[in-house]
Amino acid sequence: MSPADYGRQFSTGRELFKIVGIDPRRPKYPVSAERIPDGQGFKFTADQVALLLQKGMRDVTPKGQ
């Protein structure tokens, strides 16, 4: 996780979230996110969010490369 991840969106499969904070002083749940569309706040582990961000990324590499 890096400051560049601030504002990125990820999905848990059922719900969509937006990263609104990364606080390394909270070692267990450093990532704060808001659920879209209601804005309710949740905390996640960095590993959870990193995995969900990777799952949400689509491979856009042209075929044959």
C-alpha atoms as a PDB file:
ATOM      1  CA  MET A   1       0.000   0.000   0.000  1.00  0.00           C
ATOM      2  CA  SER A   2       1.228   3.467  -0.838  1.00  0.00           C
ATOM      3  CA  PRO A   3      -0.114   7.027  -0.749  1.00  0.00           C
ATOM      4  CA  ALA A   4      -0.928   6.597  -4.451  1.00  0.00           C
ATOM      5  CA  ASP A   5      -3.625   4.098  -3.427  1.00  0.00           C
ATOM      6  CA  TYR A   6      -5.580   6.860  -1.664  1.00  0.00           C
ATOM      7  CA  GLY A   7      -8.915   7.304  -3.427  1.00  0.00           C
ATOM      8  CA  ARG A   8      -8.776   3.977  -5.289  1.00  0.00           C
ATOM      9  CA  GLN A   9     -11.872   1.818  -5.297  1.00  0.00           C
ATOM     10  CA  PHE A  10     -12.135  -1.894  -4.617  1.00  0.00           C
ATOM     11  CA  SER A  11     -14.893  -4.447  -4.381  1.00  0.00           C
ATOM     12  CA  THR A  12     -15.409  -7.207  -1.838  1.00  0.00           C
ATOM     13  CA  GLY A  13     -17.636  -8.961  -4.337  1.00  0.00           C
ATOM     14  CA  ARG A  14     -20.838  -7.627  -2.821  1.00  0.00           C
ATOM     15  CA  GLU A  15     -19.970  -4.046  -1.987  1.00  0.00           C
ATOM     16  CA  LEU A  16     -17.837  -1.255  -3.438  1.00  0.00           C
ATOM     17  CA  PHE A  17     -15.434   0.780  -1.274  1.00  0.00           C
ATOM     18  CA  LYS A  18     -13.171   3.803  -1.705  1.00  0.00           C
ATOM     19  CA  ILE A  19      -9.904   4.191   0.226  1.00  0.00           C
ATOM     20  CA  VAL A  20     -10.109   7.364   2.300  1.00  0.00           C
ATOM     21  CA  GLY A  21      -7.111   6.912   4.584  1.00  0.00           C
ATOM     22  CA  ILE A  22      -3.955   4.919   5.214  1.00  0.00           C
ATOM     23  CA  ASP A  23      -2.589   5.136   8.758  1.00  0.00           C
ATOM     24  CA  PRO A  24       0.566   3.086   9.412  1.00  0.00           C
ATOM     25  CA  ARG A  25       0.198   3.811  13.148  1.00  0.00           C
ATOM     26  CA  ARG A  26      -2.711   1.334  13.139  1.00  0.00           C
ATOM     27  CA  PRO A  27      -0.751  -1.837  12.342  1.00  0.00           C
ATOM     28  CA  LYS A  28      -3.699  -4.250  12.369  1.00  0.00           C
ATOM     29  CA  TYR A  29      -6.221  -2.210  10.326  1.00  0.00           C
ATOM     30  CA  PRO A  30      -4.321   0.659   8.675  1.00  0.00           C
ATOM     31  CA  VAL A  31      -6.719   1.193   5.748  1.00  0.00           C
ATOM     32  CA  SER A  32      -9.856   3.293   6.192  1.00  0.00           C
ATOM     33  CA  ALA A  33     -12.472   2.984   3.483  1.00  0.00           C
ATOM     34  CA  GLU A  34     -15.961   4.293   2.827  1.00  0.00           C
ATOM     35  CA  ARG A  35     -18.660   2.086   1.421  1.00  0.00           C
ATOM     36  CA  ILE A  36     -20.135   3.431  -1.791  1.00  0.00           C
ATOM     37  CA  PRO A  37     -22.877   4.755  -1.991  1.00  0.00           C
ATOM     38  CA  ASP A  38     -23.745   5.367   1.679  1.00  0.00           C
ATOM     39  CA  GLY A  39     -20.324   6.553   2.922  1.00  0.00           C
ATOM     40  CA  GLN A  40     -20.245   4.297   5.991  1.00  0.00           C
ATOM     41  CA  GLY A  41     -16.674   3.882   7.241  1.00  0.00           C
ATOM     42  CA  PHE A  42     -14.846   0.575   7.579  1.00  0.00           C
ATOM     43  CA  LYS A  43     -11.288  -0.494   8.434  1.00  0.00           C
ATOM     44  CA  PHE A  44      -9.356  -3.142   6.543  1.00  0.00           C
ATOM     45  CA  THR A  45      -5.971  -4.811   6.769  1.00  0.00           C
ATOM     46  CA  ALA A  46      -3.422  -3.742   4.170  1.00  0.00           C
ATOM     47  CA  ASP A  47      -3.174  -7.338   2.908  1.00  0.00           C
ATOM     48  CA  GLN A  48      -6.946  -7.557   2.373  1.00  0.00           C
ATOM     49  CA  VAL A  49      -7.062  -4.342   0.384  1.00  0.00           C
ATOM     50  CA  ALA A  50      -3.950  -5.145  -1.667  1.00  0.00           C
ATOM     51  CA  LEU A  51      -5.502  -8.480  -2.672  1.00  0.00           C
ATOM     52  CA  LEU A  52      -8.858  -6.890  -3.525  1.00  0.00           C
ATOM     53  CA  LEU A  53      -7.158  -4.156  -5.560  1.00  0.00           C
ATOM     54  CA  GLN A  54      -5.264  -6.813  -7.542  1.00  0.00           C
ATOM     55  CA  LYS A  55      -8.458  -8.780  -8.187  1.00  0.00           C
ATOM     56  CA  GLY A  56     -10.155  -5.639  -9.451  1.00  0.00           C
ATOM     57  CA  MET A  57      -7.398  -4.875 -11.950  1.00  0.00           C
ATOM     58  CA  ARG A  58      -8.056  -6.254 -15.404  1.00  0.00           C
ATOM     59  CA  ASP A  59      -5.261  -7.388 -17.662  1.00  0.00           C
ATOM     60  CA  VAL A  60      -5.308  -4.912 -20.559  1.00  0.00           C
ATOM     61  CA  THR A  61      -2.176  -6.263 -22.230  1.00  0.00           C
ATOM     62  CA  PRO A  62      -2.858  -6.853 -25.936  1.00  0.00           C
ATOM     63  CA  LYS A  63      -3.017 -10.536 -26.831  1.00  0.00           C
ATOM     64  CA  GLY A  64       0.140 -11.940 -28.358  1.00  0.00           C
ATOM     65  CA  GLN A  65       2.539  -9.821 -26.303  1.00  0.00           C
END
